[in-house]
């Protein structure tokens, strides 16, 4: 499986963090990707996402504006905006040693 970027736009990077934006139109999916660092995301436009994982697991969740979600390092997945409005979040990867 080819892996893509974790977000739709790279924003910022230091030795400690890397920041991406993820913006998805209705029915648009992210690339399949792996999180090589610990990370969190902050919802910047509310919406519903379907998360599909490499092992076949799927889950759909509604994310409210401002919600902070802690992700799992090593996770391989993609997300699809299943709502009727634009969805977005900012992803912050925490670079560790």
N, C-alpha and C. Protein backbone atom coordinates (compact mmCIF):
# COMPACT_ATOMS: atom_id res chain seq x y z
N UNK A 1 0.85 -1.19 0.00
CA UNK A 1 0.00 0.00 0.00
C UNK A 1 0.89 1.24 0.00
N UNK A 2 0.62 2.16 -0.90
CA UNK A 2 1.37 3.42 -0.95
C UNK A 2 0.84 4.36 0.12
N UNK A 3 1.75 4.99 0.84
CA UNK A 3 1.38 5.94 1.89
C UNK A 3 1.50 7.35 1.36
N UNK A 4 0.56 8.20 1.74
CA UNK A 4 0.58 9.60 1.35
C UNK A 4 0.82 10.49 2.55
N UNK A 5 0.56 11.78 2.36
CA UNK A 5 0.73 12.76 3.43
C UNK A 5 -0.38 12.61 4.46
N UNK A 6 -0.09 13.01 5.70
CA UNK A 6 -1.10 12.90 6.76
C UNK A 6 -2.11 14.03 6.70
N UNK A 7 -1.79 15.10 6.01
CA UNK A 7 -2.71 16.22 5.86
C UNK A 7 -2.78 16.66 4.41
N UNK A 8 -3.61 17.64 4.14
CA UNK A 8 -3.72 18.16 2.78
C UNK A 8 -2.77 19.32 2.53
N UNK A 9 -2.27 19.95 3.61
CA UNK A 9 -1.30 21.04 3.44
C UNK A 9 -0.33 21.06 4.62
N UNK A 10 0.97 20.97 4.31
CA UNK A 10 2.01 21.12 5.33
C UNK A 10 2.10 22.58 5.72
N UNK A 11 2.16 22.87 7.04
CA UNK A 11 2.14 24.26 7.50
C UNK A 11 3.44 24.72 8.16
N UNK A 12 4.08 23.88 9.00
CA UNK A 12 5.12 24.38 9.87
C UNK A 12 5.89 23.22 10.46
N UNK A 13 7.21 23.43 10.69
CA UNK A 13 8.01 22.38 11.32
C UNK A 13 9.16 23.00 12.09
N UNK A 14 9.41 22.43 13.28
CA UNK A 14 10.60 22.72 14.07
C UNK A 14 11.21 21.39 14.46
N UNK A 15 12.22 21.42 15.29
CA UNK A 15 12.80 20.17 15.75
C UNK A 15 11.86 19.41 16.70
N UNK A 16 10.82 20.09 17.20
CA UNK A 16 9.91 19.48 18.18
C UNK A 16 8.54 19.11 17.63
N UNK A 17 8.04 19.86 16.65
CA UNK A 17 6.69 19.63 16.13
C UNK A 17 6.66 19.76 14.62
N UNK A 18 5.62 19.14 14.04
CA UNK A 18 5.32 19.29 12.61
C UNK A 18 3.81 19.49 12.54
N UNK A 19 3.36 20.50 11.77
CA UNK A 19 1.95 20.88 11.74
C UNK A 19 1.41 20.78 10.32
N UNK A 20 0.23 20.17 10.21
CA UNK A 20 -0.47 20.01 8.93
C UNK A 20 -1.90 20.51 9.09
N UNK A 21 -2.49 20.92 7.99
CA UNK A 21 -3.94 21.11 7.93
C UNK A 21 -4.53 19.96 7.13
N UNK A 22 -5.70 19.53 7.52
CA UNK A 22 -6.46 18.54 6.76
C UNK A 22 -7.80 19.19 6.42
N UNK A 23 -8.07 19.38 5.15
CA UNK A 23 -9.31 19.99 4.68
C UNK A 23 -9.94 19.03 3.69
N UNK A 24 -11.17 18.60 3.99
CA UNK A 24 -11.85 17.62 3.13
C UNK A 24 -13.24 18.12 2.75
N UNK A 25 -13.51 18.12 1.46
CA UNK A 25 -14.85 18.39 0.95
C UNK A 25 -15.74 17.17 1.27
N UNK A 26 -17.06 17.32 1.22
CA UNK A 26 -17.94 16.16 1.42
C UNK A 26 -17.54 15.01 0.48
N UNK A 27 -17.47 13.81 1.02
CA UNK A 27 -17.11 12.57 0.32
C UNK A 27 -15.64 12.50 -0.10
N UNK A 28 -14.84 13.47 0.26
CA UNK A 28 -13.40 13.44 -0.05
C UNK A 28 -12.67 12.67 1.04
N UNK A 29 -11.63 11.91 0.63
CA UNK A 29 -10.83 11.12 1.57
C UNK A 29 -9.40 11.64 1.62
N UNK A 30 -8.78 11.45 2.76
CA UNK A 30 -7.35 11.70 2.88
C UNK A 30 -6.61 10.57 2.17
N UNK A 31 -5.31 10.73 2.00
CA UNK A 31 -4.47 9.62 1.55
C UNK A 31 -4.40 8.58 2.67
N UNK A 32 -4.15 7.33 2.31
CA UNK A 32 -3.74 6.35 3.31
C UNK A 32 -2.40 6.85 3.84
N UNK A 33 -2.22 6.84 5.16
CA UNK A 33 -0.99 7.37 5.74
C UNK A 33 -0.68 6.69 7.06
N UNK A 34 0.57 6.86 7.49
CA UNK A 34 1.00 6.35 8.78
C UNK A 34 1.49 7.52 9.63
N UNK A 35 1.17 7.46 10.90
CA UNK A 35 1.64 8.47 11.84
C UNK A 35 2.91 7.92 12.50
N UNK A 36 4.03 8.48 12.11
CA UNK A 36 5.31 8.01 12.64
C UNK A 36 5.69 8.70 13.94
N UNK A 37 4.89 9.68 14.35
CA UNK A 37 5.10 10.41 15.60
C UNK A 37 3.80 10.39 16.41
N UNK A 38 3.93 10.64 17.72
CA UNK A 38 2.74 10.91 18.51
C UNK A 38 2.11 12.17 17.95
N UNK A 39 0.78 12.28 18.02
CA UNK A 39 0.12 13.43 17.43
C UNK A 39 -1.22 13.70 18.09
N UNK A 40 -1.74 14.88 17.81
CA UNK A 40 -3.10 15.24 18.17
C UNK A 40 -3.65 16.08 17.04
N UNK A 41 -4.98 16.18 16.99
CA UNK A 41 -5.57 17.11 16.04
C UNK A 41 -6.64 17.94 16.73
N UNK A 42 -6.81 19.16 16.21
CA UNK A 42 -7.79 20.11 16.73
C UNK A 42 -8.77 20.41 15.59
N UNK A 43 -10.04 20.19 15.84
CA UNK A 43 -11.07 20.40 14.81
C UNK A 43 -11.27 21.89 14.57
N UNK A 44 -11.12 22.31 13.32
CA UNK A 44 -11.28 23.72 12.96
C UNK A 44 -12.57 23.97 12.16
N UNK A 45 -13.19 22.94 11.65
CA UNK A 45 -14.55 22.98 11.07
C UNK A 45 -15.20 21.65 11.42
N UNK A 46 -16.30 21.70 12.14
CA UNK A 46 -16.97 20.50 12.63
C UNK A 46 -17.44 19.62 11.48
N UNK A 47 -17.55 18.32 11.77
CA UNK A 47 -18.06 17.40 10.75
C UNK A 47 -17.93 15.96 11.17
N UNK A 48 -18.34 15.09 10.26
CA UNK A 48 -18.34 13.65 10.50
C UNK A 48 -17.30 12.99 9.63
N UNK A 49 -16.47 12.17 10.25
CA UNK A 49 -15.42 11.44 9.54
C UNK A 49 -15.60 9.94 9.70
N UNK A 50 -15.38 9.24 8.60
CA UNK A 50 -15.27 7.78 8.63
C UNK A 50 -13.79 7.46 8.61
N UNK A 51 -13.32 6.76 9.63
CA UNK A 51 -11.92 6.33 9.71
C UNK A 51 -11.85 4.87 9.30
N UNK A 52 -10.97 4.58 8.34
CA UNK A 52 -10.73 3.21 7.88
C UNK A 52 -9.29 2.86 8.23
N UNK A 53 -9.12 1.69 8.86
CA UNK A 53 -7.79 1.27 9.30
C UNK A 53 -7.30 0.11 8.45
N UNK A 54 -5.97 -0.02 8.43
CA UNK A 54 -5.32 -1.04 7.61
C UNK A 54 -5.87 -2.45 7.88
N UNK A 55 -6.26 -2.72 9.13
CA UNK A 55 -6.74 -4.06 9.49
C UNK A 55 -8.21 -4.28 9.12
N UNK A 56 -8.84 -3.28 8.47
CA UNK A 56 -10.24 -3.41 8.05
C UNK A 56 -11.25 -2.79 8.99
N UNK A 57 -10.81 -2.40 10.19
CA UNK A 57 -11.73 -1.74 11.13
C UNK A 57 -12.17 -0.40 10.57
N UNK A 58 -13.44 -0.04 10.85
CA UNK A 58 -13.99 1.25 10.43
C UNK A 58 -14.78 1.84 11.59
N UNK A 59 -14.75 3.16 11.69
CA UNK A 59 -15.58 3.83 12.69
C UNK A 59 -15.92 5.22 12.16
N UNK A 60 -17.13 5.68 12.50
CA UNK A 60 -17.58 7.00 12.07
C UNK A 60 -17.86 7.83 13.31
N UNK A 61 -17.36 9.07 13.32
CA UNK A 61 -17.52 9.94 14.47
C UNK A 61 -17.81 11.36 14.03
N UNK A 62 -18.63 12.05 14.84
CA UNK A 62 -18.85 13.48 14.65
C UNK A 62 -17.88 14.23 15.54
N UNK A 63 -17.19 15.22 14.98
CA UNK A 63 -16.22 16.02 15.72
C UNK A 63 -16.70 17.46 15.79
N UNK A 64 -16.88 17.95 17.02
CA UNK A 64 -17.33 19.33 17.25
C UNK A 64 -16.17 20.29 17.07
N UNK A 65 -16.48 21.52 16.71
CA UNK A 65 -15.50 22.58 16.58
C UNK A 65 -14.69 22.70 17.87
N UNK A 66 -13.38 22.72 17.75
CA UNK A 66 -12.50 22.88 18.90
C UNK A 66 -12.12 21.60 19.61
N UNK A 67 -12.74 20.48 19.24
CA UNK A 67 -12.42 19.21 19.89
C UNK A 67 -10.95 18.86 19.65
N UNK A 68 -10.29 18.38 20.69
CA UNK A 68 -8.91 17.92 20.60
C UNK A 68 -8.91 16.40 20.72
N UNK A 69 -8.26 15.73 19.76
CA UNK A 69 -8.23 14.27 19.74
C UNK A 69 -6.77 13.82 19.73
N UNK A 70 -6.44 12.93 20.65
CA UNK A 70 -5.10 12.36 20.71
C UNK A 70 -5.07 11.12 19.83
N UNK A 71 -4.13 11.08 18.89
CA UNK A 71 -4.00 9.94 17.99
C UNK A 71 -2.96 8.96 18.47
N UNK A 72 -2.84 7.86 17.75
CA UNK A 72 -1.93 6.78 18.13
C UNK A 72 -0.77 6.68 17.15
N UNK A 73 0.44 6.81 17.67
CA UNK A 73 1.65 6.64 16.87
C UNK A 73 1.62 5.26 16.21
N UNK A 74 2.02 5.20 14.94
CA UNK A 74 2.05 3.94 14.22
C UNK A 74 0.75 3.59 13.53
N UNK A 75 -0.29 4.40 13.75
CA UNK A 75 -1.59 4.14 13.15
C UNK A 75 -1.53 4.32 11.63
N UNK A 76 -2.05 3.33 10.89
CA UNK A 76 -2.15 3.40 9.44
C UNK A 76 -3.64 3.47 9.11
N UNK A 77 -4.06 4.58 8.48
CA UNK A 77 -5.48 4.77 8.20
C UNK A 77 -5.68 5.86 7.15
N UNK A 78 -6.95 6.03 6.79
CA UNK A 78 -7.39 7.20 6.04
C UNK A 78 -8.73 7.61 6.60
N UNK A 79 -9.10 8.86 6.36
CA UNK A 79 -10.40 9.35 6.81
C UNK A 79 -11.16 9.93 5.63
N UNK A 80 -12.49 9.82 5.69
CA UNK A 80 -13.37 10.35 4.65
C UNK A 80 -14.41 11.25 5.32
N UNK A 81 -14.62 12.42 4.73
CA UNK A 81 -15.66 13.33 5.21
C UNK A 81 -17.00 12.80 4.72
N UNK A 82 -17.80 12.26 5.64
CA UNK A 82 -19.10 11.70 5.29
C UNK A 82 -20.23 12.71 5.53
N UNK A 83 -19.87 13.92 5.95
CA UNK A 83 -20.87 14.96 6.17
C UNK A 83 -21.19 15.71 4.89
N UNK A 84 -22.05 16.71 5.01
CA UNK A 84 -22.49 17.49 3.85
C UNK A 84 -21.79 18.84 3.75
N UNK A 85 -20.90 19.14 4.70
CA UNK A 85 -20.17 20.42 4.73
C UNK A 85 -18.67 20.16 4.72
N UNK A 86 -17.90 21.19 4.41
CA UNK A 86 -16.44 21.13 4.48
C UNK A 86 -16.02 20.78 5.90
N UNK A 87 -15.04 19.88 6.05
CA UNK A 87 -14.48 19.50 7.36
C UNK A 87 -13.00 19.88 7.36
N UNK A 88 -12.51 20.33 8.51
CA UNK A 88 -11.07 20.58 8.61
C UNK A 88 -10.57 20.40 10.03
N UNK A 89 -9.28 20.08 10.13
CA UNK A 89 -8.60 20.04 11.40
C UNK A 89 -7.13 20.40 11.20
N UNK A 90 -6.48 20.73 12.29
CA UNK A 90 -5.04 20.95 12.30
C UNK A 90 -4.40 19.80 13.05
N UNK A 91 -3.39 19.19 12.44
CA UNK A 91 -2.71 18.03 13.01
C UNK A 91 -1.35 18.49 13.52
N UNK A 92 -1.05 18.16 14.77
CA UNK A 92 0.23 18.52 15.36
C UNK A 92 0.96 17.22 15.72
N UNK A 93 2.05 16.97 15.02
CA UNK A 93 2.89 15.81 15.33
C UNK A 93 3.93 16.24 16.34
N UNK A 94 4.12 15.44 17.40
CA UNK A 94 5.11 15.73 18.42
C UNK A 94 6.31 14.83 18.16
N UNK A 95 7.41 15.45 17.77
CA UNK A 95 8.62 14.69 17.45
C UNK A 95 9.31 14.31 18.75
N UNK A 96 9.60 13.05 18.89
CA UNK A 96 10.26 12.57 20.10
C UNK A 96 11.57 11.90 19.79
N UNK A 97 12.31 11.65 20.81
CA UNK A 97 13.58 10.95 20.66
C UNK A 97 13.40 9.50 20.99
